[in-house]
Amino acid sequence: MAVTAVEPMVRRSANYDPTLWSFDHIQSLSSNYTGEDHVARADALKETVKMIIRRQMGNLSTTLEIIDDLQRLGIGYHFEDEIHDVLKRIYDHHYENDAKWDGMDLNLKALGFRILRQHGYQVPQEILCNFKDKLQNFEPHLMDDMMVVLNLYEASYHCFENENILDEIRDHTTNILKENLGNIDGDISLLVSQALKFPLHWRVPRVEAKWYIELYEKRKGSNPILIKLAKLDFDMSQAIHLEDLKHTSRWWKNLRWDEKLSFARDRLVEHFMWSLGFSYQPQFSLGRKILTMVNTLITSIDDVYDVYGTLDELELFTDIINRWDVNAIKELPDYMKICFLGFYNTINEISYNILTETGLLVLPYLKKAWADYIKTYMIEARWYHSGYKPTLEEYLDNAYVSIGGPVILLHVMCLSSFTSTQQMLECMKDAENMVHYSSLIFRLANDLGTSTEEIARGDIPKSIQCYMHESGATEDEARMYIKSLILETWKKLNKERVGGYSRFSKEFIECATNIPRMTQFMYNEGDGHGHPYITESHVLSLLFNPIQ
């Protein structure tokens, strides 16, 4: 009797780079910047800085510059009450209407506009309407003149939709900065060069702090107290970050997905980097741990759907997650049993941690959010297996969810202070636009950095390819179009930010803003998530090596 040979199943492989960071190496890391002596020194420096802020209250220019420096040095969060009170007074006295700002010089208008909009004040674009008249006698070799142009440029990126004055300022100042970059030197040259890569508003605060501390220390007239506090705070925060990383590293080791789901990316440290980019402040320790776990689940399950699973397996897996039915996992192949149970246990653990921290039972809402998220993966898997090419609109309607932004931000919202789950749900409903715009930039910037490799190994068309297919554009033209979409979506996000300060926690608003910032940072030089060597120097700089 003839025996029919069973053909072994051929699965795709992405041949992902291995991790650069072993468990033993992570667990061996430590910091000297812990203990009461450092806390006492930091507290003394903070009191001195508060005195400096109070002393400069009568000087508008110096006060705004100090606030700007505090924020860029990464220590503004220690002085939130002082900055809030000072900005309220500045807005009331100088920026509330045109009668108050008419006589102000252009540099002060631009700096004040940027900082006030950043903090939720509705300063109108008309404050800068005469910028061209003021720049007629511009001298590029004069540092003060270049600072005016640079502050205008940075202010323009806080633009809302249909703010034509700010659009014109952005285009005009970009040209001036590019044309004169070779003619300037010193600090201003470094500031301009950095701004032309990414405007300040688009930069990751923790990355900016490390860069700015080094620049500020060399600057003529810098305040040594601010330097001391910024360095100490960076290293003390880094000590907390290391403990957060070691905690999540132990969770990842116990999950064993690195060996049991070996087809998936092992990116624990990079996932922690994302969480650090979302919020670096010490008090967000639990949030960083939770978001690192969330980011890890997102990447691993993404690889199940994009690389390894068959269509039938994925349909079954999606259905079981939708039902949240642990008893049904016996129907799954072995690798999916491990994936589902690890995922199931992790979400339950996260829900438990949130319950003990906030008193709110969020498991039903996390289950629904993850089920909705997984469904978007299933839609993309069906597109791929059927060869379907979605329109750009159709793709983005699904892809802003499948990138993971909404599910990440729900976890952030769950960590905010609420008196009831009903209040939290109402807040999340109010935040839908902010979540959408944040996630859309997340998706578009991701596509710019990863789509070429993803298409080459077998994946659905991304936003670039969808636009090319729809419009007949070349790849370069499509990339320019996607970049223009990112800029326009930032404008919408800016409007939501300013309107959100009265409705959402500052932490939520900052996380929603830092997701696109972190995405543009991670994918600026290629796929920094897929290829760990691209971001290796940043891991060392931000996580492993103290400043002092």
Protein backbone atom coordinates (compact mmCIF):
# COMPACT_ATOMS: atom_id res chain seq x y z
CA MET A 1 0.00 0.00 0.00
CA ALA A 2 1.46 3.36 -1.07
CA VAL A 3 2.12 5.92 1.67
CA THR A 4 1.54 9.56 0.68
CA ALA A 5 4.30 11.82 1.97
CA VAL A 6 3.04 14.85 3.87
CA GLU A 7 4.62 18.00 2.53
CA PRO A 8 6.17 20.08 5.33
CA MET A 9 4.50 23.45 5.69
CA VAL A 10 6.59 26.26 4.23
CA ARG A 11 6.43 29.41 6.30
CA ARG A 12 7.80 32.83 5.55
CA SER A 13 10.82 34.12 7.44
CA ALA A 14 11.82 37.75 7.87
CA ASN A 15 15.39 36.83 8.94
CA TYR A 16 15.33 39.49 11.63
CA ASP A 17 18.58 40.62 13.22
CA PRO A 18 19.23 39.04 16.64
CA THR A 19 19.05 41.16 19.76
CA LEU A 20 22.19 43.04 20.80
CA TRP A 21 21.38 42.84 24.50
CA SER A 22 21.45 39.58 26.46
CA PHE A 23 19.43 39.01 29.62
CA ASP A 24 22.60 38.58 31.69
CA HIS A 25 24.03 41.85 30.40
CA ILE A 26 20.87 43.77 31.22
CA GLN A 27 20.68 42.27 34.70
CA SER A 28 24.33 43.15 35.35
CA LEU A 29 23.73 46.88 34.82
CA SER A 30 23.70 49.24 37.79
CA SER A 31 23.96 52.93 38.60
CA ASN A 32 25.80 54.89 41.27
CA TYR A 33 23.12 57.61 41.22
CA THR A 34 20.79 56.18 43.84
CA GLY A 35 20.37 56.90 47.54
CA GLU A 36 19.51 59.79 49.86
CA ASP A 37 22.70 61.80 49.26
CA HIS A 38 21.82 62.34 45.60
CA VAL A 39 18.19 63.10 46.47
CA ALA A 40 19.26 65.73 49.02
CA ARG A 41 21.66 67.33 46.54
CA ALA A 42 18.99 67.42 43.83
CA ASP A 43 16.43 68.93 46.24
CA ALA A 44 18.85 71.70 47.22
CA LEU A 45 19.53 72.52 43.56
CA LYS A 46 15.78 72.56 42.82
CA GLU A 47 15.20 75.11 45.58
CA THR A 48 17.93 77.32 44.10
CA VAL A 49 16.34 77.09 40.64
CA LYS A 50 12.97 78.11 42.10
CA MET A 51 14.66 81.21 43.53
CA ILE A 52 16.16 81.97 40.10
CA ILE A 53 12.70 81.73 38.48
CA ARG A 54 11.20 84.07 41.11
CA ARG A 55 14.06 86.57 40.77
CA GLN A 56 13.55 86.91 36.99
CA MET A 57 9.77 87.39 37.15
CA GLY A 58 9.95 91.03 36.07
CA ASN A 59 12.07 90.34 33.00
CA LEU A 60 9.93 88.82 30.24
CA SER A 61 12.77 87.82 27.92
CA THR A 62 14.91 86.20 30.63
CA THR A 63 11.92 84.39 32.15
CA LEU A 64 10.89 82.84 28.81
CA GLU A 65 14.49 81.83 28.10
CA ILE A 66 14.81 80.15 31.51
CA ILE A 67 11.56 78.22 30.95
CA ASP A 68 12.79 77.18 27.51
CA ASP A 69 16.13 76.04 28.93
CA LEU A 70 14.49 74.13 31.81
CA GLN A 71 12.28 72.23 29.36
CA ARG A 72 15.04 71.46 26.88
CA LEU A 73 17.39 70.33 29.66
CA GLY A 74 14.73 67.79 30.70
CA ILE A 75 14.13 69.27 34.18
CA GLY A 76 11.05 71.40 33.55
CA TYR A 77 8.83 68.74 35.15
CA HIS A 78 10.28 69.62 38.57
CA PHE A 79 8.91 73.15 38.25
CA GLU A 80 5.47 72.61 36.73
CA ASP A 81 3.67 74.74 39.33
CA GLU A 82 6.15 77.61 39.01
CA ILE A 83 6.08 77.48 35.19
CA HIS A 84 2.27 77.33 35.19
CA ASP A 85 1.98 80.41 37.41
CA VAL A 86 4.63 82.37 35.49
CA LEU A 87 3.08 81.59 32.09
CA LYS A 88 -0.39 82.55 33.29
CA ARG A 89 0.96 85.91 34.40
CA ILE A 90 2.93 86.38 31.17
CA TYR A 91 -0.09 85.54 29.01
CA ASP A 92 -2.39 87.90 30.94
CA HIS A 93 0.08 90.78 30.82
CA HIS A 94 1.69 90.43 27.39
CA TYR A 95 0.00 87.99 24.96
CA GLU A 96 -3.74 88.08 25.55
CA ASN A 97 -4.54 90.61 22.82
CA ASP A 98 -2.87 92.77 20.15
CA ALA A 99 -2.86 95.87 22.34
CA LYS A 100 -0.50 94.04 24.69
CA TRP A 101 1.88 92.49 22.16
CA ASP A 102 2.03 95.36 19.63
CA GLY A 103 5.21 96.93 20.96
CA MET A 104 7.04 93.66 21.62
CA ASP A 105 10.08 92.71 19.54
CA LEU A 106 9.74 89.84 17.06
CA ASN A 107 12.01 87.44 18.94
CA LEU A 108 9.95 87.73 22.12
CA LYS A 109 6.74 87.26 20.17
CA ALA A 110 8.07 84.06 18.54
CA LEU A 111 9.53 82.59 21.74
CA GLY A 112 6.44 83.44 23.79
CA PHE A 113 4.10 82.13 21.09
CA ARG A 114 5.88 78.77 21.00
CA ILE A 115 6.08 78.25 24.75
CA LEU A 116 2.51 79.41 25.41
CA ARG A 117 1.02 77.23 22.66
CA GLN A 118 3.05 74.32 23.99
CA HIS A 119 1.30 74.82 27.34
CA GLY A 120 -2.22 75.08 25.92
CA TYR A 121 -2.70 78.84 25.50
CA GLN A 122 -4.72 79.98 22.49
CA VAL A 123 -2.25 82.57 21.20
CA PRO A 124 -3.36 83.64 17.68
CA GLN A 125 -1.03 83.48 14.69
CA GLU A 126 -1.67 87.19 14.04
CA ILE A 127 0.89 88.04 16.71
CA LEU A 128 3.52 87.22 14.04
CA CYS A 129 1.79 88.74 11.00
CA ASN A 130 4.41 91.43 10.31
CA PHE A 131 7.39 89.06 10.38
CA LYS A 132 8.50 89.90 6.81
CA ASP A 133 8.71 93.62 7.58
CA LYS A 134 10.82 92.87 10.63
CA LEU A 135 13.19 90.59 8.68
CA GLN A 136 13.88 93.11 5.88
CA ASN A 137 17.12 94.25 7.51
CA PHE A 138 18.12 90.74 8.58
CA GLU A 139 21.89 90.19 8.95
CA PRO A 140 22.71 86.44 8.90
CA HIS A 141 26.16 86.93 10.45
CA LEU A 142 24.60 88.46 13.58
CA MET A 143 23.72 85.80 16.16
CA ASP A 144 20.73 87.77 17.51
CA ASP A 145 19.24 88.00 14.01
CA MET A 146 19.68 84.27 13.42
CA MET A 147 18.03 83.54 16.77
CA VAL A 148 14.98 85.55 15.66
CA VAL A 149 14.73 83.43 12.49
CA LEU A 150 15.29 80.21 14.44
CA ASN A 151 12.61 81.10 17.02
CA LEU A 152 10.17 81.94 14.23
CA TYR A 153 10.94 78.62 12.54
CA GLU A 154 10.38 76.68 15.78
CA ALA A 155 7.17 78.62 16.51
CA SER A 156 5.76 77.78 13.07
CA TYR A 157 5.65 74.05 13.90
CA HIS A 158 2.97 74.74 16.53
CA CYS A 159 0.70 75.61 13.61
CA PHE A 160 -2.97 74.57 13.32
CA GLU A 161 -4.76 73.85 10.06
CA ASN A 162 -5.43 76.89 7.84
CA GLU A 163 -2.96 79.13 9.67
CA ASN A 164 -1.44 80.64 6.54
CA ILE A 165 0.79 83.11 8.37
CA LEU A 166 2.57 80.27 10.18
CA ASP A 167 2.81 78.21 6.97
CA GLU A 168 4.48 81.18 5.30
CA ILE A 169 6.81 81.66 8.27
CA ARG A 170 7.83 77.99 8.14
CA ASP A 171 8.65 78.11 4.42
CA HIS A 172 10.42 81.49 4.62
CA THR A 173 12.55 80.71 7.68
CA THR A 174 13.43 77.22 6.39
CA ASN A 175 14.92 78.81 3.28
CA ILE A 176 16.83 81.41 5.29
CA LEU A 177 18.26 78.81 7.69
CA LYS A 178 19.31 76.48 4.86
CA GLU A 179 20.88 79.29 2.85
CA ASN A 180 22.91 80.60 5.79
CA LEU A 181 23.85 77.39 7.61
CA GLY A 182 27.33 77.47 6.06
CA ASN A 183 27.90 81.09 7.07
CA ILE A 184 27.39 80.70 10.82
CA ASP A 185 29.33 78.91 13.52
CA GLY A 186 29.31 78.21 17.26
CA ASP A 187 26.19 77.33 19.24
CA ILE A 188 23.81 78.89 16.75
CA SER A 189 25.18 76.67 13.96
CA LEU A 190 24.50 73.55 16.04
CA LEU A 191 21.00 74.77 16.94
CA VAL A 192 20.14 75.52 13.30
CA SER A 193 21.57 72.24 12.05
CA GLN A 194 19.55 70.29 14.64
CA ALA A 195 16.38 72.27 13.87
CA LEU A 196 16.63 71.54 10.14
CA LYS A 197 16.79 67.80 10.87
CA PHE A 198 13.69 68.01 13.06
CA PRO A 199 12.02 71.07 14.59
CA LEU A 200 12.11 71.18 18.39
CA HIS A 201 8.38 70.37 18.62
CA TRP A 202 8.97 67.09 16.76
CA ARG A 203 11.97 65.98 18.83
CA VAL A 204 11.91 63.33 21.60
CA PRO A 205 12.29 65.18 24.95
CA ARG A 206 14.71 62.67 26.52
CA VAL A 207 16.95 62.61 23.42
CA GLU A 208 16.80 66.41 23.25
CA ALA A 209 17.76 66.70 26.94
CA LYS A 210 20.93 64.64 26.48
CA TRP A 211 21.93 66.67 23.42
CA TYR A 212 21.01 70.05 24.93
CA ILE A 213 22.83 69.46 28.25
CA GLU A 214 26.09 69.05 26.32
CA LEU A 215 25.39 72.14 24.19
CA TYR A 216 24.17 74.32 27.07
CA GLU A 217 27.20 73.54 29.22
CA LYS A 218 29.50 75.03 26.56
CA ARG A 219 27.30 78.06 25.95
CA LYS A 220 28.55 81.46 27.02
CA GLY A 221 26.47 82.77 29.93
CA SER A 222 24.96 79.39 30.84
CA ASN A 223 23.77 78.96 34.41
CA PRO A 224 25.96 76.46 36.32
CA ILE A 225 23.10 75.60 38.70
CA LEU A 226 20.93 74.47 35.79
CA ILE A 227 23.82 72.40 34.42
CA LYS A 228 24.42 70.68 37.76
CA LEU A 229 20.73 69.87 38.24
CA ALA A 230 20.25 68.70 34.65
CA LYS A 231 23.21 66.32 34.82
CA LEU A 232 22.30 64.97 38.25
CA ASP A 233 18.65 64.56 37.31
CA PHE A 234 19.56 62.78 34.05
CA ASP A 235 21.73 60.27 35.91
CA MET A 236 19.26 59.78 38.78
CA SER A 237 16.40 59.23 36.31
CA GLN A 238 18.59 56.85 34.32
CA ALA A 239 19.07 54.78 37.50
CA ILE A 240 15.28 54.41 37.77
CA HIS A 241 15.03 53.59 34.05
CA LEU A 242 17.62 50.82 34.49
CA GLU A 243 15.55 49.21 37.23
CA ASP A 244 12.43 49.49 35.04
CA LEU A 245 14.33 47.81 32.20
CA LYS A 246 15.64 45.03 34.42
CA HIS A 247 12.10 44.38 35.69
CA THR A 248 10.68 44.03 32.16
CA SER A 249 13.70 41.98 31.13
CA ARG A 250 12.81 39.41 33.81
CA TRP A 251 9.21 39.37 32.56
CA TRP A 252 10.47 38.76 28.98
CA LYS A 253 12.83 36.02 30.16
CA ASN A 254 9.96 34.24 31.95
CA LEU A 255 7.67 34.59 28.94
CA ARG A 256 10.26 32.70 26.83
CA TRP A 257 8.92 34.01 23.54
CA ASP A 258 12.47 34.72 22.39
CA GLU A 259 13.03 30.93 22.14
CA LYS A 260 9.46 29.63 21.65
CA LEU A 261 8.52 32.22 18.99
CA SER A 262 11.98 32.47 17.46
CA PHE A 263 10.59 33.77 14.15
CA ALA A 264 9.57 37.02 15.90
CA ARG A 265 11.75 40.04 16.67
CA ASP A 266 13.49 40.00 20.06
CA ARG A 267 13.50 43.71 20.83
CA LEU A 268 13.03 44.07 24.59
CA VAL A 269 15.53 46.93 24.98
CA GLU A 270 14.20 48.76 21.93
CA HIS A 271 10.65 48.35 23.26
CA PHE A 272 11.80 49.92 26.50
CA MET A 273 13.39 52.75 24.50
CA TRP A 274 9.98 53.43 22.94
CA SER A 275 8.41 53.58 26.42
CA LEU A 276 11.17 55.86 27.63
CA GLY A 277 10.48 58.11 24.65
CA PHE A 278 6.79 58.19 25.55
CA SER A 279 7.58 59.36 29.11
CA TYR A 280 10.96 59.54 30.86
CA GLN A 281 9.81 61.08 34.13
CA PRO A 282 10.61 58.98 37.23
CA GLN A 283 7.01 58.92 38.50
CA PHE A 284 5.89 57.10 35.31
CA SER A 285 7.81 53.95 36.29
CA LEU A 286 4.77 51.63 36.29
CA GLY A 287 3.64 53.12 32.98
CA ARG A 288 7.02 52.44 31.37
CA LYS A 289 6.95 48.83 32.53
CA ILE A 290 3.40 48.32 31.25
CA LEU A 291 4.05 50.05 27.91
CA THR A 292 7.21 47.99 27.37
CA MET A 293 5.12 44.85 27.81
CA VAL A 294 2.46 46.28 25.46
CA ASN A 295 5.06 47.21 22.82
CA THR A 296 6.55 43.71 23.04
CA LEU A 297 3.16 42.05 22.56
CA ILE A 298 2.44 44.31 19.58
CA THR A 299 5.70 43.44 17.79
CA SER A 300 5.51 39.69 18.45
CA ILE A 301 1.86 39.35 17.42
CA ASP A 302 2.58 41.53 14.38
CA ASP A 303 5.19 38.95 13.32
CA VAL A 304 2.68 36.12 13.83
CA TYR A 305 0.29 37.82 11.39
CA ASP A 306 2.77 39.34 8.94
CA VAL A 307 5.34 36.55 8.74
CA TYR A 308 4.55 33.17 10.27
CA GLY A 309 0.88 32.31 10.55
CA THR A 310 -1.21 30.69 7.82
CA LEU A 311 -4.51 32.34 6.96
CA ASP A 312 -6.54 29.53 8.61
CA GLU A 313 -4.44 29.73 11.78
CA LEU A 314 -4.84 33.49 11.91
CA GLU A 315 -8.63 33.31 11.48
CA LEU A 316 -8.81 30.89 14.40
CA PHE A 317 -6.43 32.92 16.57
CA THR A 318 -8.39 36.14 15.88
CA ASP A 319 -11.66 34.44 16.83
CA ILE A 320 -10.27 33.10 20.11
CA ILE A 321 -8.85 36.50 21.09
CA ASN A 322 -12.17 38.12 20.20
CA ARG A 323 -13.94 35.65 22.52
CA TRP A 324 -11.12 35.86 25.09
CA ASP A 325 -11.62 32.13 25.49
CA VAL A 326 -8.65 30.45 27.15
CA ASN A 327 -10.42 27.07 26.95
CA ALA A 328 -10.38 27.23 23.14
CA ILE A 329 -6.60 27.26 22.81
CA LYS A 330 -6.48 23.47 22.40
CA GLU A 331 -7.64 24.16 18.81
CA LEU A 332 -4.50 26.19 18.10
CA PRO A 333 -1.10 24.97 16.82
CA ASP A 334 1.55 24.75 19.54
CA TYR A 335 3.27 28.08 18.79
CA MET A 336 -0.09 29.87 18.93
CA LYS A 337 -0.98 28.20 22.24
CA ILE A 338 2.18 29.75 23.69
CA CYS A 339 1.46 33.10 22.05
CA PHE A 340 -2.16 33.26 23.18
CA LEU A 341 -1.53 32.17 26.77
CA GLY A 342 1.44 34.51 27.16
CA PHE A 343 -0.64 37.36 25.77
CA TYR A 344 -3.68 36.44 27.90
CA ASN A 345 -1.65 36.24 31.10
CA THR A 346 0.17 39.52 30.39
CA ILE A 347 -3.02 41.51 29.82
CA ASN A 348 -4.49 40.06 33.00
CA GLU A 349 -1.29 40.98 34.87
CA ILE A 350 -1.40 44.54 33.49
CA SER A 351 -5.06 44.84 34.50
CA TYR A 352 -4.23 43.62 37.99
CA ASN A 353 -1.39 46.15 38.33
CA ILE A 354 -3.69 48.97 37.22
CA LEU A 355 -6.40 47.78 39.64
CA THR A 356 -4.01 47.79 42.61
CA GLU A 357 -2.55 51.16 41.57
CA THR A 358 -5.74 53.07 40.65
CA GLY A 359 -8.62 51.01 42.04
CA LEU A 360 -10.17 50.72 38.57
CA LEU A 361 -11.05 47.41 36.88
CA VAL A 362 -10.02 48.02 33.28
CA LEU A 363 -9.78 44.41 32.01
CA PRO A 364 -13.06 44.51 30.00
CA TYR A 365 -11.88 47.64 28.13
CA LEU A 366 -8.38 46.29 27.49
CA LYS A 367 -9.87 43.03 26.16
CA LYS A 368 -12.06 44.93 23.70
CA ALA A 369 -9.24 47.26 22.60
CA TRP A 370 -6.90 44.34 21.94
CA ALA A 371 -9.62 42.39 20.10
CA ASP A 372 -10.33 45.42 17.88
CA TYR A 373 -6.61 45.83 17.29
CA ILE A 374 -6.10 42.15 16.34
CA LYS A 375 -9.01 42.41 13.88
CA THR A 376 -7.07 45.04 11.92
CA TYR A 377 -4.19 42.55 11.57
CA MET A 378 -6.68 40.00 10.25
CA ILE A 379 -7.96 42.47 7.66
CA GLU A 380 -4.39 43.05 6.44
CA ALA A 381 -3.69 39.29 6.40
CA ARG A 382 -6.77 38.74 4.19
CA TRP A 383 -5.63 41.55 1.89
CA TYR A 384 -2.20 39.96 1.57
CA HIS A 385 -3.41 36.41 0.93
CA SER A 386 -5.99 37.56 -1.65
CA GLY A 387 -3.62 40.00 -3.37
CA TYR A 388 -6.03 42.88 -2.69
CA LYS A 389 -4.69 46.43 -3.12
CA PRO A 390 -6.55 48.88 -0.86
CA THR A 391 -6.99 52.56 -1.64
CA LEU A 392 -4.90 54.92 0.49
CA GLU A 393 -7.98 55.97 2.46
CA GLU A 394 -9.03 52.36 3.00
CA TYR A 395 -5.50 51.41 4.06
CA LEU A 396 -5.12 54.29 6.54
CA ASP A 397 -8.57 53.74 8.10
CA ASN A 398 -7.31 50.32 9.15
CA ALA A 399 -3.59 51.00 9.51
CA TYR A 400 -3.77 53.82 12.07
CA VAL A 401 -5.19 51.15 14.42
CA SER A 402 -2.93 48.27 13.32
CA ILE A 403 0.19 50.31 14.10
CA GLY A 404 -0.76 50.07 17.78
CA GLY A 405 -1.26 53.72 18.77
CA PRO A 406 -4.86 53.42 20.04
CA VAL A 407 -4.13 50.36 22.18
CA ILE A 408 -0.97 51.98 23.63
CA LEU A 409 -2.83 55.18 24.50
CA LEU A 410 -5.69 53.28 26.14
CA HIS A 411 -3.15 51.80 28.57
CA VAL A 412 -1.81 55.31 29.23
CA MET A 413 -5.35 56.58 29.85
CA CYS A 414 -5.98 53.69 32.26
CA LEU A 415 -3.02 54.90 34.36
CA SER A 416 -4.45 58.43 34.69
CA SER A 417 -6.34 59.56 37.80
CA PHE A 418 -10.07 58.87 37.53
CA THR A 419 -12.82 58.43 40.10
CA SER A 420 -14.62 55.79 38.00
CA THR A 421 -14.29 53.70 34.85
CA GLN A 422 -17.22 55.70 33.42
CA GLN A 423 -15.20 58.90 33.74
CA MET A 424 -12.25 57.18 32.06
CA LEU A 425 -14.41 55.96 29.16
CA GLU A 426 -15.88 59.46 28.63
CA CYS A 427 -12.35 60.87 28.60
CA MET A 428 -11.21 58.27 26.08
CA LYS A 429 -14.20 59.13 23.89
CA ASP A 430 -13.23 62.83 24.05
CA ALA A 431 -9.66 61.91 23.11
CA GLU A 432 -10.58 60.03 19.91
CA ASN A 433 -9.27 62.75 17.60
CA MET A 434 -6.01 63.10 19.51
CA VAL A 435 -5.53 59.32 19.46
CA HIS A 436 -6.34 59.20 15.75
CA TYR A 437 -3.89 61.95 14.73
CA SER A 438 -1.12 60.61 16.97
CA SER A 439 -1.57 57.10 15.57
CA LEU A 440 -1.80 58.30 11.98
CA ILE A 441 1.62 60.00 12.20
CA PHE A 442 2.88 56.81 13.90
CA ARG A 443 1.71 54.79 10.88
CA LEU A 444 2.92 57.20 8.17
CA ALA A 445 6.39 57.67 9.67
CA ASN A 446 6.67 53.89 10.18
CA ASP A 447 5.80 53.30 6.53
CA LEU A 448 8.47 55.76 5.38
CA GLY A 449 11.12 53.82 7.32
CA THR A 450 10.03 50.20 6.86
CA SER A 451 7.87 49.71 3.76
CA THR A 452 10.68 48.95 1.29
CA GLU A 453 11.94 45.97 3.30
CA GLU A 454 8.45 44.80 4.23
CA ILE A 455 7.28 44.74 0.60
CA ALA A 456 10.47 42.91 -0.43
CA ARG A 457 9.85 40.06 2.03
CA GLY A 458 6.10 39.87 1.29
CA ASP A 459 3.54 42.23 2.77
CA ILE A 460 0.53 44.31 1.77
CA PRO A 461 1.09 47.67 0.04
CA LYS A 462 1.83 50.42 2.57
CA SER A 463 0.77 54.06 2.33
CA ILE A 464 3.55 54.87 -0.17
CA GLN A 465 2.58 52.03 -2.52
CA CYS A 466 -1.15 52.74 -2.13
CA TYR A 467 -0.59 56.35 -3.21
CA MET A 468 1.64 55.28 -6.12
CA HIS A 469 -1.00 52.78 -7.30
CA GLU A 470 -3.80 55.34 -7.00
CA SER A 471 -2.08 58.38 -8.49
CA GLY A 472 0.61 57.01 -10.79
CA ALA A 473 3.26 58.85 -8.75
CA THR A 474 6.88 57.73 -8.56
CA GLU A 475 8.16 56.43 -5.22
CA ASP A 476 9.99 59.72 -4.54
CA GLU A 477 6.81 61.68 -5.26
CA ALA A 478 4.79 59.34 -3.05
CA ARG A 479 7.27 59.77 -0.20
CA MET A 480 7.00 63.54 -0.50
CA TYR A 481 3.21 63.24 -0.38
CA ILE A 482 3.34 61.08 2.77
CA LYS A 483 5.66 63.64 4.39
CA SER A 484 3.14 66.36 3.55
CA LEU A 485 0.40 64.24 5.17
CA ILE A 486 2.55 63.97 8.31
CA LEU A 487 2.92 67.75 8.45
CA GLU A 488 -0.82 68.30 7.99
CA THR A 489 -1.65 65.70 10.65
CA TRP A 490 0.75 67.39 13.09
CA LYS A 491 -1.32 70.57 12.64
CA LYS A 492 -4.48 68.68 13.64
CA LEU A 493 -2.69 67.11 16.61
CA ASN A 494 -1.44 70.55 17.69
CA LYS A 495 -5.03 71.84 17.79
CA GLU A 496 -6.14 68.85 19.87
CA ARG A 497 -3.21 69.37 22.25
CA VAL A 498 -4.06 73.01 22.93
CA GLY A 499 -7.73 72.15 23.45
CA GLY A 500 -6.89 69.10 25.54
CA TYR A 501 -5.22 70.69 28.55
CA SER A 502 -8.56 71.36 30.22
CA ARG A 503 -9.82 67.80 29.59
CA PHE A 504 -6.92 65.34 29.77
CA SER A 505 -3.96 64.70 32.02
CA LYS A 506 -0.75 66.35 30.93
CA GLU A 507 0.85 62.89 30.94
CA PHE A 508 -1.68 61.59 28.41
CA ILE A 509 -1.22 64.62 26.14
CA GLU A 510 2.56 64.27 26.27
CA CYS A 511 2.42 60.53 25.52
CA ALA A 512 0.08 61.17 22.57
CA THR A 513 2.59 63.74 21.28
CA ASN A 514 5.67 61.66 22.03
CA ILE A 515 4.43 58.64 20.04
CA PRO A 516 4.87 60.49 16.70
CA ARG A 517 8.09 62.10 17.95
CA MET A 518 9.52 58.71 18.88
CA THR A 519 8.39 57.17 15.59
CA GLN A 520 10.09 59.86 13.51
CA PHE A 521 13.22 59.42 15.63
CA MET A 522 13.29 55.59 15.37
CA TYR A 523 12.71 55.50 11.61
CA ASN A 524 14.64 58.60 10.54
CA GLU A 525 17.71 56.59 9.47
CA GLY A 526 15.87 53.45 8.37
CA ASP A 527 14.15 50.76 10.41
CA GLY A 528 15.66 51.47 13.83
CA HIS A 529 13.25 48.98 15.35
CA GLY A 530 14.00 46.12 12.96
CA HIS A 531 17.76 46.77 12.89
CA PRO A 532 19.03 47.31 16.46
CA TYR A 533 22.46 48.52 15.33
CA ILE A 534 20.81 51.72 14.02
CA THR A 535 19.73 52.75 17.52
CA GLU A 536 22.58 51.09 19.47
CA SER A 537 24.37 54.38 20.19
CA HIS A 538 21.14 55.90 21.54
CA VAL A 539 20.54 52.92 23.84
CA LEU A 540 24.03 53.37 25.26
CA SER A 541 23.63 57.13 25.57
CA LEU A 542 20.16 57.19 27.13
CA LEU A 543 20.06 53.96 29.14
CA PHE A 544 23.48 52.61 29.95
CA ASN A 545 25.99 55.49 30.16
CA PRO A 546 25.58 58.25 32.77
CA ILE A 547 26.50 61.82 31.83
CA GLN A 548 28.83 62.37 34.78
